[in-house]
Amino acid sequence: MAEKSSYYRALTIGGSDNSGGAGIQADIKTFSALGCYGMSAITVLTSQNTQGVFGIQEVSPQFVVKQIISILDDIGVDAVKIGMMFNTPIIKEVAKCIREYKVFPVVLDPVMFAKSGDILLQKDAVDTMRDEFFPLATLVTPNIHEAAALLGRSIESPEEMQQAAVDLCSFGPQGVVIKGGGLSSHSSDDCMFIKNGQLQWLRQDRIDTQNIHGTGCTFSSAITAFLAQSFTLECSVLEAKKYVSKAIVAGSNKELGLGKGPVMHFYEKWKI
């Protein structure tokens, strides 16, 4: 009998987006598109669509951890993505679980704001997010506004983005990518800093579309998928950037909902 092969296993811990464009749903789609078996532990349920977030229902921290442990004790994981944590109790319990089970690599997407502007992380949990998860993270992927909140200062230029990436790395992660789509009206350049490496800019002309719901989730989960397949950290980021850009282009002329539509995660399979 032929020897059985195994899956690449990727776990996402975060919030559910019932509209399918972001959150857990976008992560699972990304894992699947990039060749990983996707699993999830849900921290919050949201009521949302392409126009905004209309309600948030948190899951108890203890049950979040039960979801994680049920996967680790049976299936195991090759890489973990952490997204929306919502509050301090959930952050502390998940971080404790990650430490105890020594789950690595970890990609942290410190979700604080939805594309609609809705707040997805309680204000008093920002410092907890930084203090608990940054030392555990292989990579952290904040956008401009999230990086500014984590550092307690504004970021208004490429030079300030560069310094912010270096400063955030001092809190413990191996690397930081600051997503710069909010800095310029004509480009979506990201700034990557990896310890023991050089600072690097990931250049990208802005794609003319409103269908950008879930781009941040998709980017971080794509990095996670490549890390699960043993790509290097730098290569994982570069490949994820390519994937997200192609997914945005593929979904740029589609119509879904009345607000900010999603990217097309399965652009290589869907010929529509």
C-alpha atoms as a PDB file:
ATOM      1  CA  MET A   1       0.000   0.000   0.000  1.00  0.00           C
ATOM      2  CA  ALA A   2       1.296   3.444  -0.950  1.00  0.00           C
ATOM      3  CA  GLU A   3       2.544   5.629   1.869  1.00  0.00           C
ATOM      4  CA  LYS A   4       0.025   8.269   2.912  1.00  0.00           C
ATOM      5  CA  SER A   5       0.891  11.919   2.423  1.00  0.00           C
ATOM      6  CA  SER A   6      -0.018  14.695   4.841  1.00  0.00           C
ATOM      7  CA  TYR A   7      -1.661  18.110   4.574  1.00  0.00           C
ATOM      8  CA  TYR A   8      -0.115  21.488   5.195  1.00  0.00           C
ATOM      9  CA  ARG A   9      -2.118  22.635   8.228  1.00  0.00           C
ATOM     10  CA  ALA A  10      -2.990  26.262   8.917  1.00  0.00           C
ATOM     11  CA  LEU A  11      -5.042  27.516  11.845  1.00  0.00           C
ATOM     12  CA  THR A  12      -6.720  30.910  12.052  1.00  0.00           C
ATOM     13  CA  ILE A  13      -7.827  32.371  15.382  1.00  0.00           C
ATOM     14  CA  GLY A  14     -10.095  35.381  14.979  1.00  0.00           C
ATOM     15  CA  GLY A  15     -13.496  36.838  14.249  1.00  0.00           C
ATOM     16  CA  SER A  16     -16.190  35.526  11.946  1.00  0.00           C
ATOM     17  CA  ASP A  17     -17.371  37.719   9.071  1.00  0.00           C
ATOM     18  CA  ASN A  18     -20.804  36.419   8.124  1.00  0.00           C
ATOM     19  CA  SER A  19     -20.612  38.251   4.779  1.00  0.00           C
ATOM     20  CA  GLY A  20     -17.610  36.123   3.779  1.00  0.00           C
ATOM     21  CA  GLY A  21     -15.234  38.896   2.743  1.00  0.00           C
ATOM     22  CA  ALA A  22     -12.924  39.144   5.751  1.00  0.00           C
ATOM     23  CA  GLY A  23     -12.135  37.420   9.041  1.00  0.00           C
ATOM     24  CA  ILE A  24     -12.202  33.662   9.471  1.00  0.00           C
ATOM     25  CA  GLN A  25     -14.019  33.161   6.180  1.00  0.00           C
ATOM     26  CA  ALA A  26     -11.408  35.043   4.153  1.00  0.00           C
ATOM     27  CA  ASP A  27      -8.632  33.186   5.967  1.00  0.00           C
ATOM     28  CA  ILE A  28     -10.081  29.752   5.170  1.00  0.00           C
ATOM     29  CA  LYS A  29     -10.560  30.735   1.532  1.00  0.00           C
ATOM     30  CA  THR A  30      -6.951  31.937   1.358  1.00  0.00           C
ATOM     31  CA  PHE A  31      -5.566  28.800   2.993  1.00  0.00           C
ATOM     32  CA  SER A  32      -7.538  26.661   0.552  1.00  0.00           C
ATOM     33  CA  ALA A  33      -6.479  28.669  -2.493  1.00  0.00           C
ATOM     34  CA  LEU A  34      -2.826  28.333  -1.490  1.00  0.00           C
ATOM     35  CA  GLY A  35      -2.794  24.612  -0.788  1.00  0.00           C
ATOM     36  CA  CYS A  36      -3.365  24.384   2.957  1.00  0.00           C
ATOM     37  CA  TYR A  37      -5.928  22.555   5.071  1.00  0.00           C
ATOM     38  CA  GLY A  38      -7.592  25.402   6.969  1.00  0.00           C
ATOM     39  CA  MET A  39      -8.939  25.270  10.524  1.00  0.00           C
ATOM     40  CA  SER A  40     -10.398  27.911  12.812  1.00  0.00           C
ATOM     41  CA  ALA A  41     -11.036  29.017  16.358  1.00  0.00           C
ATOM     42  CA  ILE A  42     -13.642  31.779  16.482  1.00  0.00           C
ATOM     43  CA  THR A  43     -13.225  34.609  19.003  1.00  0.00           C
ATOM     44  CA  VAL A  44     -16.230  36.758  18.060  1.00  0.00           C
ATOM     45  CA  LEU A  45     -19.276  36.595  15.825  1.00  0.00           C
ATOM     46  CA  THR A  46     -20.048  39.695  13.818  1.00  0.00           C
ATOM     47  CA  SER A  47     -23.108  40.914  11.988  1.00  0.00           C
ATOM     48  CA  GLN A  48     -21.731  42.721   8.954  1.00  0.00           C
ATOM     49  CA  ASN A  49     -21.861  43.154   5.209  1.00  0.00           C
ATOM     50  CA  THR A  50     -20.059  45.217   2.588  1.00  0.00           C
ATOM     51  CA  GLN A  51     -21.334  48.450   4.172  1.00  0.00           C
ATOM     52  CA  GLY A  52     -20.311  48.026   7.801  1.00  0.00           C
ATOM     53  CA  VAL A  53     -20.380  46.138  11.086  1.00  0.00           C
ATOM     54  CA  PHE A  54     -23.746  46.103  12.859  1.00  0.00           C
ATOM     55  CA  GLY A  55     -23.096  43.893  15.858  1.00  0.00           C
ATOM     56  CA  ILE A  56     -20.408  41.938  17.721  1.00  0.00           C
ATOM     57  CA  GLN A  57     -20.984  38.949  19.982  1.00  0.00           C
ATOM     58  CA  GLU A  58     -17.887  37.701  21.774  1.00  0.00           C
ATOM     59  CA  VAL A  59     -17.181  34.060  22.500  1.00  0.00           C
ATOM     60  CA  SER A  60     -16.061  33.269  26.045  1.00  0.00           C
ATOM     61  CA  PRO A  61     -12.253  33.152  26.371  1.00  0.00           C
ATOM     62  CA  GLN A  62     -12.477  29.640  27.788  1.00  0.00           C
ATOM     63  CA  PHE A  63     -14.402  28.355  24.787  1.00  0.00           C
ATOM     64  CA  VAL A  64     -11.978  30.035  22.377  1.00  0.00           C
ATOM     65  CA  VAL A  65      -9.171  28.100  24.040  1.00  0.00           C
ATOM     66  CA  LYS A  66     -11.204  24.861  23.896  1.00  0.00           C
ATOM     67  CA  GLN A  67     -11.455  25.280  20.129  1.00  0.00           C
ATOM     68  CA  ILE A  68      -7.698  25.763  19.817  1.00  0.00           C
ATOM     69  CA  ILE A  69      -6.765  22.840  22.068  1.00  0.00           C
ATOM     70  CA  SER A  70      -9.149  20.455  20.288  1.00  0.00           C
ATOM     71  CA  ILE A  71      -7.179  21.097  17.091  1.00  0.00           C
ATOM     72  CA  LEU A  72      -3.712  21.001  18.652  1.00  0.00           C
ATOM     73  CA  ASP A  73      -4.409  17.750  20.530  1.00  0.00           C
ATOM     74  CA  ASP A  74      -5.589  15.932  17.421  1.00  0.00           C
ATOM     75  CA  ILE A  75      -4.701  17.434  14.046  1.00  0.00           C
ATOM     76  CA  GLY A  76      -1.815  19.754  14.880  1.00  0.00           C
ATOM     77  CA  VAL A  77      -0.768  22.858  12.968  1.00  0.00           C
ATOM     78  CA  ASP A  78       2.133  24.009  10.809  1.00  0.00           C
ATOM     79  CA  ALA A  79       1.413  27.736  11.182  1.00  0.00           C
ATOM     80  CA  VAL A  80      -1.077  29.964  12.997  1.00  0.00           C
ATOM     81  CA  LYS A  81      -2.655  33.286  12.057  1.00  0.00           C
ATOM     82  CA  ILE A  82      -4.134  35.442  14.807  1.00  0.00           C
ATOM     83  CA  GLY A  83      -6.689  38.057  13.814  1.00  0.00           C
ATOM     84  CA  MET A  84      -9.489  39.797  15.676  1.00  0.00           C
ATOM     85  CA  MET A  85      -9.143  39.313  19.451  1.00  0.00           C
ATOM     86  CA  PHE A  86     -11.630  42.024  20.523  1.00  0.00           C
ATOM     87  CA  ASN A  87     -10.828  42.313  24.245  1.00  0.00           C
ATOM     88  CA  THR A  88      -8.241  41.775  26.972  1.00  0.00           C
ATOM     89  CA  PRO A  89      -9.611  38.496  28.444  1.00  0.00           C
ATOM     90  CA  ILE A  90      -9.561  36.763  25.041  1.00  0.00           C
ATOM     91  CA  ILE A  91      -6.071  38.098  24.271  1.00  0.00           C
ATOM     92  CA  LYS A  92      -4.641  36.840  27.568  1.00  0.00           C
ATOM     93  CA  GLU A  93      -6.180  33.374  27.341  1.00  0.00           C
ATOM     94  CA  VAL A  94      -5.146  32.821  23.717  1.00  0.00           C
ATOM     95  CA  ALA A  95      -1.608  34.059  24.382  1.00  0.00           C
ATOM     96  CA  LYS A  96      -1.338  31.720  27.381  1.00  0.00           C
ATOM     97  CA  CYS A  97      -2.439  28.798  25.206  1.00  0.00           C
ATOM     98  CA  ILE A  98       0.044  29.644  22.451  1.00  0.00           C
ATOM     99  CA  ARG A  99       2.879  29.815  25.006  1.00  0.00           C
ATOM    100  CA  GLU A 100       1.955  26.565  26.746  1.00  0.00           C
ATOM    101  CA  TYR A 101       1.594  24.594  23.517  1.00  0.00           C
ATOM    102  CA  LYS A 102       4.608  26.285  21.878  1.00  0.00           C
ATOM    103  CA  VAL A 103       2.708  26.882  18.659  1.00  0.00           C
ATOM    104  CA  PHE A 104       4.921  28.462  15.963  1.00  0.00           C
ATOM    105  CA  PRO A 105       5.225  30.176  13.550  1.00  0.00           C
ATOM    106  CA  VAL A 106       2.613  32.805  14.443  1.00  0.00           C
ATOM    107  CA  VAL A 107       1.421  35.598  12.158  1.00  0.00           C
ATOM    108  CA  LEU A 108      -0.333  38.358  14.099  1.00  0.00           C
ATOM    109  CA  ASP A 109      -2.696  40.666  12.255  1.00  0.00           C
ATOM    110  CA  PRO A 110      -3.584  43.149  15.041  1.00  0.00           C
ATOM    111  CA  VAL A 111      -7.115  43.859  13.828  1.00  0.00           C
ATOM    112  CA  MET A 112      -8.467  47.086  15.315  1.00  0.00           C
ATOM    113  CA  PHE A 113     -10.590  48.722  12.629  1.00  0.00           C
ATOM    114  CA  ALA A 114     -12.822  47.461   9.830  1.00  0.00           C
ATOM    115  CA  LYS A 115     -12.553  48.962   6.335  1.00  0.00           C
ATOM    116  CA  SER A 116     -15.807  50.753   7.168  1.00  0.00           C
ATOM    117  CA  GLY A 117     -14.132  52.407  10.158  1.00  0.00           C
ATOM    118  CA  ASP A 118     -15.915  50.319  12.783  1.00  0.00           C
ATOM    119  CA  ILE A 119     -13.843  49.560  15.908  1.00  0.00           C
ATOM    120  CA  LEU A 120     -12.975  45.863  16.279  1.00  0.00           C
ATOM    121  CA  LEU A 121     -10.649  45.986  19.308  1.00  0.00           C
ATOM    122  CA  GLN A 122     -11.608  47.560  22.598  1.00  0.00           C
ATOM    123  CA  LYS A 123      -9.412  50.571  23.371  1.00  0.00           C
ATOM    124  CA  ASP A 124      -8.117  49.228  26.667  1.00  0.00           C
ATOM    125  CA  ALA A 125      -6.884  46.068  24.907  1.00  0.00           C
ATOM    126  CA  VAL A 126      -4.392  47.746  22.540  1.00  0.00           C
ATOM    127  CA  ASP A 127      -1.472  47.635  24.989  1.00  0.00           C
ATOM    128  CA  THR A 128      -2.411  44.093  26.009  1.00  0.00           C
ATOM    129  CA  MET A 129      -2.312  43.015  22.370  1.00  0.00           C
ATOM    130  CA  ARG A 130       1.197  44.431  21.975  1.00  0.00           C
ATOM    131  CA  ASP A 131       2.546  43.125  25.278  1.00  0.00           C
ATOM    132  CA  GLU A 132       1.060  39.621  25.093  1.00  0.00           C
ATOM    133  CA  PHE A 133       1.327  38.714  21.410  1.00  0.00           C
ATOM    134  CA  PHE A 134       4.324  40.591  20.018  1.00  0.00           C
ATOM    135  CA  PRO A 135       6.862  38.426  21.913  1.00  0.00           C
ATOM    136  CA  LEU A 136       5.135  35.312  20.513  1.00  0.00           C
ATOM    137  CA  ALA A 137       4.822  36.504  16.916  1.00  0.00           C
ATOM    138  CA  THR A 138       6.985  35.501  14.006  1.00  0.00           C
ATOM    139  CA  LEU A 139       5.512  38.393  12.038  1.00  0.00           C
ATOM    140  CA  VAL A 140       3.123  41.265  12.801  1.00  0.00           C
ATOM    141  CA  THR A 141       1.143  42.917   9.965  1.00  0.00           C
ATOM    142  CA  PRO A 142      -0.529  46.166  11.113  1.00  0.00           C
ATOM    143  CA  ASN A 143      -1.846  48.796   8.758  1.00  0.00           C
ATOM    144  CA  ILE A 144      -0.872  52.448   9.207  1.00  0.00           C
ATOM    145  CA  HIS A 145      -3.652  53.208  11.686  1.00  0.00           C
ATOM    146  CA  GLU A 146      -3.007  50.081  13.739  1.00  0.00           C
ATOM    147  CA  ALA A 147       0.736  50.733  13.860  1.00  0.00           C
ATOM    148  CA  ALA A 148       0.068  54.278  15.022  1.00  0.00           C
ATOM    149  CA  ALA A 149      -2.267  53.050  17.775  1.00  0.00           C
ATOM    150  CA  LEU A 150       0.256  50.463  18.944  1.00  0.00           C
ATOM    151  CA  LEU A 151       3.016  53.074  19.159  1.00  0.00           C
ATOM    152  CA  GLY A 152       0.872  55.950  20.408  1.00  0.00           C
ATOM    153  CA  ARG A 153       1.979  58.350  17.685  1.00  0.00           C
ATOM    154  CA  SER A 154       1.013  59.412  14.183  1.00  0.00           C
ATOM    155  CA  ILE A 155       2.600  57.971  11.037  1.00  0.00           C
ATOM    156  CA  GLU A 156       2.410  60.382   8.129  1.00  0.00           C
ATOM    157  CA  SER A 157       5.391  59.707   5.855  1.00  0.00           C
ATOM    158  CA  PRO A 158       7.428  56.815   4.414  1.00  0.00           C
ATOM    159  CA  GLU A 159      10.261  57.707   6.770  1.00  0.00           C
ATOM    160  CA  GLU A 160       7.924  57.464   9.758  1.00  0.00           C
ATOM    161  CA  MET A 161       6.650  54.118   8.455  1.00  0.00           C
ATOM    162  CA  GLN A 162      10.194  52.792   8.355  1.00  0.00           C
ATOM    163  CA  GLN A 163      10.924  53.900  11.895  1.00  0.00           C
ATOM    164  CA  ALA A 164       7.604  52.489  13.088  1.00  0.00           C
ATOM    165  CA  ALA A 165       8.446  49.069  11.627  1.00  0.00           C
ATOM    166  CA  VAL A 166      11.788  49.045  13.442  1.00  0.00           C
ATOM    167  CA  ASP A 167      10.236  50.257  16.704  1.00  0.00           C
ATOM    168  CA  LEU A 168       7.434  47.675  16.616  1.00  0.00           C
ATOM    169  CA  CYS A 169      10.005  44.944  16.054  1.00  0.00           C
ATOM    170  CA  SER A 170      11.641  45.921  19.353  1.00  0.00           C
ATOM    171  CA  PHE A 171       8.570  44.553  21.177  1.00  0.00           C
ATOM    172  CA  GLY A 172       9.520  41.000  20.271  1.00  0.00           C
ATOM    173  CA  PRO A 173       8.451  39.717  16.843  1.00  0.00           C
ATOM    174  CA  GLN A 174      10.972  38.486  14.273  1.00  0.00           C
ATOM    175  CA  GLY A 175       9.541  40.847  11.702  1.00  0.00           C
ATOM    176  CA  VAL A 176       6.972  43.552  10.991  1.00  0.00           C
ATOM    177  CA  VAL A 177       5.177  44.521   7.793  1.00  0.00           C
ATOM    178  CA  ILE A 178       3.311  47.828   7.933  1.00  0.00           C
ATOM    179  CA  LYS A 179       0.651  47.987   5.239  1.00  0.00           C
ATOM    180  CA  GLY A 180       0.806  51.443   3.711  1.00  0.00           C
ATOM    181  CA  GLY A 181      -2.394  51.644   1.696  1.00  0.00           C
ATOM    182  CA  GLY A 182      -3.682  54.415   3.963  1.00  0.00           C
ATOM    183  CA  LEU A 183      -0.652  56.654   3.433  1.00  0.00           C
ATOM    184  CA  SER A 184      -0.974  57.512  -0.261  1.00  0.00           C
ATOM    185  CA  SER A 185      -3.761  57.963  -2.779  1.00  0.00           C
ATOM    186  CA  HIS A 186      -1.784  56.464  -5.670  1.00  0.00           C
ATOM    187  CA  SER A 187       0.182  53.561  -4.171  1.00  0.00           C
ATOM    188  CA  SER A 188      -0.162  50.707  -1.689  1.00  0.00           C
ATOM    189  CA  ASP A 189       3.469  50.319  -0.648  1.00  0.00           C
ATOM    190  CA  ASP A 190       4.187  48.148   2.394  1.00  0.00           C
ATOM    191  CA  CYS A 191       7.273  48.433   4.603  1.00  0.00           C
ATOM    192  CA  MET A 192       8.922  45.226   5.857  1.00  0.00           C
ATOM    193  CA  PHE A 193      11.563  44.983   8.549  1.00  0.00           C
ATOM    194  CA  ILE A 194      12.961  41.620   9.633  1.00  0.00           C
ATOM    195  CA  LYS A 195      15.477  41.301  12.447  1.00  0.00           C
ATOM    196  CA  ASN A 196      18.996  40.545  11.209  1.00  0.00           C
ATOM    197  CA  GLY A 197      17.916  41.679   7.772  1.00  0.00           C
ATOM    198  CA  GLN A 198      17.423  44.826   5.805  1.00  0.00           C
ATOM    199  CA  LEU A 199      14.396  47.034   5.697  1.00  0.00           C
ATOM    200  CA  GLN A 200      12.537  46.457   2.447  1.00  0.00           C
ATOM    201  CA  TRP A 201       9.738  48.240   0.599  1.00  0.00           C
ATOM    202  CA  LEU A 202       7.079  46.197  -1.195  1.00  0.00           C
ATOM    203  CA  ARG A 203       5.992  48.516  -3.980  1.00  0.00           C
ATOM    204  CA  GLN A 204       2.501  48.352  -5.472  1.00  0.00           C
ATOM    205  CA  ASP A 205       0.537  50.840  -7.559  1.00  0.00           C
ATOM    206  CA  ARG A 206      -2.930  51.376  -6.154  1.00  0.00           C
ATOM    207  CA  ILE A 207      -5.579  49.316  -7.933  1.00  0.00           C
ATOM    208  CA  ASP A 208      -8.643  51.393  -8.806  1.00  0.00           C
ATOM    209  CA  THR A 209     -11.453  49.523  -7.042  1.00  0.00           C
ATOM    210  CA  GLN A 210     -13.649  49.720  -3.973  1.00  0.00           C
ATOM    211  CA  ASN A 211     -13.514  45.933  -3.609  1.00  0.00           C
ATOM    212  CA  ILE A 212     -10.929  45.843  -0.822  1.00  0.00           C
ATOM    213  CA  HIS A 213     -12.931  44.248   2.000  1.00  0.00           C
ATOM    214  CA  GLY A 214     -10.723  41.655   3.684  1.00  0.00           C
ATOM    215  CA  THR A 215      -7.420  42.553   2.018  1.00  0.00           C
ATOM    216  CA  GLY A 216      -5.573  42.739   5.336  1.00  0.00           C
ATOM    217  CA  CYS A 217      -6.961  39.391   6.511  1.00  0.00           C
ATOM    218  CA  THR A 218      -6.130  37.821   3.170  1.00  0.00           C
ATOM    219  CA  PHE A 219      -2.556  39.138   3.229  1.00  0.00           C
ATOM    220  CA  SER A 220      -1.768  37.812   6.714  1.00  0.00           C
ATOM    221  CA  SER A 221      -3.421  34.456   6.076  1.00  0.00           C
ATOM    222  CA  ALA A 222      -1.514  34.106   2.787  1.00  0.00           C
ATOM    223  CA  ILE A 223       1.748  34.652   4.679  1.00  0.00           C
ATOM    224  CA  THR A 224       0.617  31.993   7.146  1.00  0.00           C
ATOM    225  CA  ALA A 225      -0.127  29.546   4.326  1.00  0.00           C
ATOM    226  CA  PHE A 226       3.357  29.957   2.858  1.00  0.00           C
ATOM    227  CA  LEU A 227       5.011  29.641   6.274  1.00  0.00           C
ATOM    228  CA  ALA A 228       3.048  26.417   6.816  1.00  0.00           C
ATOM    229  CA  GLN A 229       4.734  25.103   3.663  1.00  0.00           C
ATOM    230  CA  SER A 230       8.200  26.007   5.033  1.00  0.00           C
ATOM    231  CA  PHE A 231       8.813  29.080   2.908  1.00  0.00           C
ATOM    232  CA  THR A 232      11.204  31.529   4.539  1.00  0.00           C
ATOM    233  CA  LEU A 233       9.667  34.528   6.286  1.00  0.00           C
ATOM    234  CA  GLU A 234      10.787  37.001   3.625  1.00  0.00           C
ATOM    235  CA  CYS A 235       9.667  34.764   0.771  1.00  0.00           C
ATOM    236  CA  SER A 236       6.309  34.165   2.464  1.00  0.00           C
ATOM    237  CA  VAL A 237       5.670  37.903   2.637  1.00  0.00           C
ATOM    238  CA  LEU A 238       6.702  38.499  -0.982  1.00  0.00           C
ATOM    239  CA  GLU A 239       4.567  35.629  -2.294  1.00  0.00           C
ATOM    240  CA  ALA A 240       1.602  36.762  -0.204  1.00  0.00           C
ATOM    241  CA  LYS A 241       1.892  40.281  -1.620  1.00  0.00           C
ATOM    242  CA  LYS A 242       1.725  38.858  -5.143  1.00  0.00           C
ATOM    243  CA  TYR A 243      -1.286  36.717  -4.278  1.00  0.00           C
ATOM    244  CA  VAL A 244      -3.249  39.578  -2.712  1.00  0.00           C
ATOM    245  CA  SER A 245      -2.500  41.917  -5.612  1.00  0.00           C
ATOM    246  CA  LYS A 246      -3.763  39.364  -8.128  1.00  0.00           C
ATOM    247  CA  ALA A 247      -6.853  38.678  -6.003  1.00  0.00           C
ATOM    248  CA  ILE A 248      -7.665  42.404  -5.867  1.00  0.00           C
ATOM    249  CA  VAL A 249      -7.235  42.793  -9.635  1.00  0.00           C
ATOM    250  CA  ALA A 250      -9.411  39.737 -10.316  1.00  0.00           C
ATOM    251  CA  GLY A 251     -12.201  41.063  -8.108  1.00  0.00           C
ATOM    252  CA  SER A 252     -11.877  44.711  -9.085  1.00  0.00           C
ATOM    253  CA  ASN A 253     -14.636  44.715 -11.711  1.00  0.00           C
ATOM    254  CA  LYS A 254     -17.085  42.467  -9.864  1.00  0.00           C
ATOM    255  CA  GLU A 255     -20.271  43.575  -8.108  1.00  0.00           C
ATOM    256  CA  LEU A 256     -21.270  42.213  -4.722  1.00  0.00           C
ATOM    257  CA  GLY A 257     -23.287  44.203  -2.221  1.00  0.00           C
ATOM    258  CA  LEU A 258     -23.670  47.968  -1.990  1.00  0.00           C
ATOM    259  CA  GLY A 259     -20.384  48.841  -0.270  1.00  0.00           C
ATOM    260  CA  LYS A 260     -16.793  47.601  -0.312  1.00  0.00           C
ATOM    261  CA  GLY A 261     -16.801  44.226  -2.024  1.00  0.00           C
ATOM    262  CA  PRO A 262     -14.347  41.350  -1.492  1.00  0.00           C
ATOM    263  CA  VAL A 263     -11.271  40.275  -3.378  1.00  0.00           C
ATOM    264  CA  MET A 264     -11.432  37.125  -5.524  1.00  0.00           C
ATOM    265  CA  HIS A 265      -9.556  34.499  -3.524  1.00  0.00           C
ATOM    266  CA  PHE A 266      -9.930  31.748  -6.113  1.00  0.00           C
ATOM    267  CA  TYR A 267      -8.912  33.751  -9.174  1.00  0.00           C
ATOM    268  CA  GLU A 268      -6.894  30.795 -10.523  1.00  0.00           C
ATOM    269  CA  LYS A 269      -9.933  28.494 -10.390  1.00  0.00           C
ATOM    270  CA  TRP A 270     -12.911  30.768 -11.027  1.00  0.00           C
ATOM    271  CA  LYS A 271     -13.150  31.758 -14.679  1.00  0.00           C
ATOM    272  CA  ILE A 272     -16.021  34.237 -14.416  1.00  0.00           C
END
